[in-house]
Amino acid sequence: MSSIFTKIVQGEIPCYKVDESENELAFLDVMPLVEGHTLVIPKKEVDFIFDIDTPAYQELWGFAQQVAKKLQKAYPDKRIAVAVVGLEVPHAHIHLLPIHKVEEMNFSNERLKFSTEEYQNIINKISRA
């Protein structure tokens, strides 16, 4: 069975796309810890990040770096934190979170809720940066 992320890659489920390459996709988390919380995934479904073959693994992290630089421009007063947890969805993913303090990336924190318009404003902010 395909993961929810594979369904996003295949266009079966919409997303708020931040960036895309041939083999990777970055989109806003729909259950974010902070504004701008972005997920970076390989388009090929692999459960554990360390099971990705080395060239694809390096490409994924290079793409994540590119996305993090976009987020840094959009949120210049914050640091872009990185986390790989791998518990919620059985599809490798990297969390990029614009934060002021480490407590903001506690995955036990209550998740934020944004309207469609607010998500679009976040995408626009990142795109303009």
Protein backbone atom coordinates (compact mmCIF):
# COMPACT_ATOMS: atom_id res chain seq x y z
CA MET A 1 0.00 0.00 0.00
CA SER A 2 1.28 3.45 -0.90
CA SER A 3 2.13 5.93 1.82
CA ILE A 4 0.32 9.25 2.04
CA PHE A 5 3.52 10.87 0.72
CA THR A 6 3.52 8.63 -2.36
CA LYS A 7 -0.08 9.68 -2.97
CA ILE A 8 1.06 13.30 -2.76
CA VAL A 9 3.88 12.63 -5.24
CA GLN A 10 1.39 10.95 -7.60
CA GLY A 11 -1.02 13.89 -7.34
CA GLU A 12 -3.75 11.88 -5.64
CA ILE A 13 -3.60 14.15 -2.59
CA PRO A 14 -2.89 17.89 -2.94
CA CYS A 15 -0.04 19.62 -1.11
CA TYR A 16 1.40 23.07 -0.58
CA LYS A 17 4.51 22.61 -2.70
CA VAL A 18 7.63 24.50 -1.65
CA ASP A 19 10.01 23.03 -4.23
CA GLU A 20 10.45 20.03 -6.50
CA SER A 21 13.17 18.28 -8.45
CA GLU A 22 13.15 15.17 -10.59
CA ASN A 23 13.59 12.88 -7.58
CA GLU A 24 12.53 14.97 -4.55
CA LEU A 25 9.58 17.00 -3.32
CA ALA A 26 9.28 19.59 -0.55
CA PHE A 27 5.92 20.67 0.81
CA LEU A 28 4.44 22.31 3.88
CA ASP A 29 3.52 19.99 6.72
CA VAL A 30 -0.26 19.99 7.22
CA MET A 31 0.28 19.40 10.94
CA PRO A 32 3.10 21.92 11.51
CA LEU A 33 4.94 22.67 14.70
CA VAL A 34 5.82 26.16 13.43
CA GLU A 35 4.99 28.35 10.46
CA GLY A 36 7.04 27.23 7.47
CA HIS A 37 7.46 23.63 8.74
CA THR A 38 8.44 21.84 5.54
CA LEU A 39 8.83 18.16 4.70
CA VAL A 40 11.43 17.03 2.18
CA ILE A 41 10.91 13.57 0.70
CA PRO A 42 12.35 11.34 -1.99
CA LYS A 43 9.71 10.70 -4.63
CA LYS A 44 10.59 7.02 -4.53
CA GLU A 45 8.95 5.44 -1.50
CA VAL A 46 11.52 4.15 0.97
CA ASP A 47 10.52 3.61 4.60
CA PHE A 48 13.79 4.29 6.43
CA ILE A 49 16.03 7.16 5.37
CA PHE A 50 19.17 5.05 5.86
CA ASP A 51 17.84 2.46 3.38
CA ILE A 52 18.10 4.98 0.54
CA ASP A 53 21.03 4.13 -1.72
CA THR A 54 24.01 6.43 -1.23
CA PRO A 55 23.71 8.57 -4.39
CA ALA A 56 19.98 9.17 -3.82
CA TYR A 57 20.62 9.85 -0.12
CA GLN A 58 23.22 12.49 -0.98
CA GLU A 59 20.89 14.00 -3.60
CA LEU A 60 18.05 14.16 -1.04
CA TRP A 61 20.22 16.04 1.46
CA GLY A 62 21.47 18.39 -1.27
CA PHE A 63 17.87 19.15 -2.18
CA ALA A 64 17.01 19.64 1.52
CA GLN A 65 19.87 22.15 1.75
CA GLN A 66 18.46 24.05 -1.24
CA VAL A 67 15.01 24.17 0.40
CA ALA A 68 16.51 25.19 3.77
CA LYS A 69 18.21 28.15 2.09
CA LYS A 70 14.85 29.26 0.69
CA LEU A 71 13.32 28.98 4.15
CA GLN A 72 16.22 30.94 5.65
CA LYS A 73 15.51 33.80 3.23
CA ALA A 74 11.79 33.70 4.06
CA TYR A 75 12.47 33.57 7.82
CA PRO A 76 15.74 35.53 8.22
CA ASP A 77 15.28 36.02 11.98
CA LYS A 78 15.08 32.26 12.61
CA ARG A 79 17.35 29.23 12.36
CA ILE A 80 16.32 26.36 10.14
CA ALA A 81 16.29 23.23 12.28
CA VAL A 82 16.51 19.74 10.81
CA ALA A 83 14.96 16.55 12.14
CA VAL A 84 14.57 13.03 10.86
CA VAL A 85 12.17 11.08 13.04
CA GLY A 86 10.51 8.54 10.77
CA LEU A 87 7.64 7.50 13.02
CA GLU A 88 4.53 9.15 11.58
CA VAL A 89 4.66 8.06 7.92
CA PRO A 90 6.47 5.00 6.53
CA HIS A 91 8.18 7.09 3.86
CA ALA A 92 11.58 8.71 4.50
CA HIS A 93 11.28 12.43 5.19
CA ILE A 94 13.28 15.33 6.52
CA HIS A 95 11.64 18.03 8.64
CA LEU A 96 12.86 21.61 8.13
CA LEU A 97 11.58 23.99 10.81
CA PRO A 98 12.16 27.74 11.13
CA ILE A 99 12.68 28.18 14.88
CA HIS A 100 13.89 30.60 17.57
CA LYS A 101 14.43 27.98 20.27
CA VAL A 102 14.85 24.22 20.39
CA GLU A 103 11.57 23.73 22.31
CA GLU A 104 9.72 24.72 19.14
CA MET A 105 10.75 21.46 17.47
CA ASN A 106 9.36 19.21 20.19
CA PHE A 107 7.16 16.79 18.27
CA SER A 108 4.97 16.37 21.37
CA ASN A 109 3.89 20.03 21.10
CA GLU A 110 0.39 20.85 19.93
CA ARG A 111 0.30 21.19 16.16
CA LEU A 112 -0.74 24.43 14.49
CA LYS A 113 -3.74 24.75 12.22
CA PHE A 114 -3.76 27.08 9.24
CA SER A 115 -6.51 27.93 6.77
CA THR A 116 -6.03 27.36 3.05
CA GLU A 117 -5.45 31.09 2.68
CA GLU A 118 -2.82 31.08 5.44
CA TYR A 119 -1.00 28.14 3.81
CA GLN A 120 -1.04 29.99 0.50
CA ASN A 121 0.38 33.09 2.20
CA ILE A 122 3.20 30.97 3.64
CA ILE A 123 3.96 29.51 0.19
CA ASN A 124 3.95 33.04 -1.26
CA LYS A 125 6.32 34.24 1.49
CA ILE A 126 8.76 31.41 0.70
CA SER A 127 8.44 31.94 -3.07
CA ARG A 128 9.12 35.69 -2.78
CA ALA A 129 12.20 35.19 -0.61
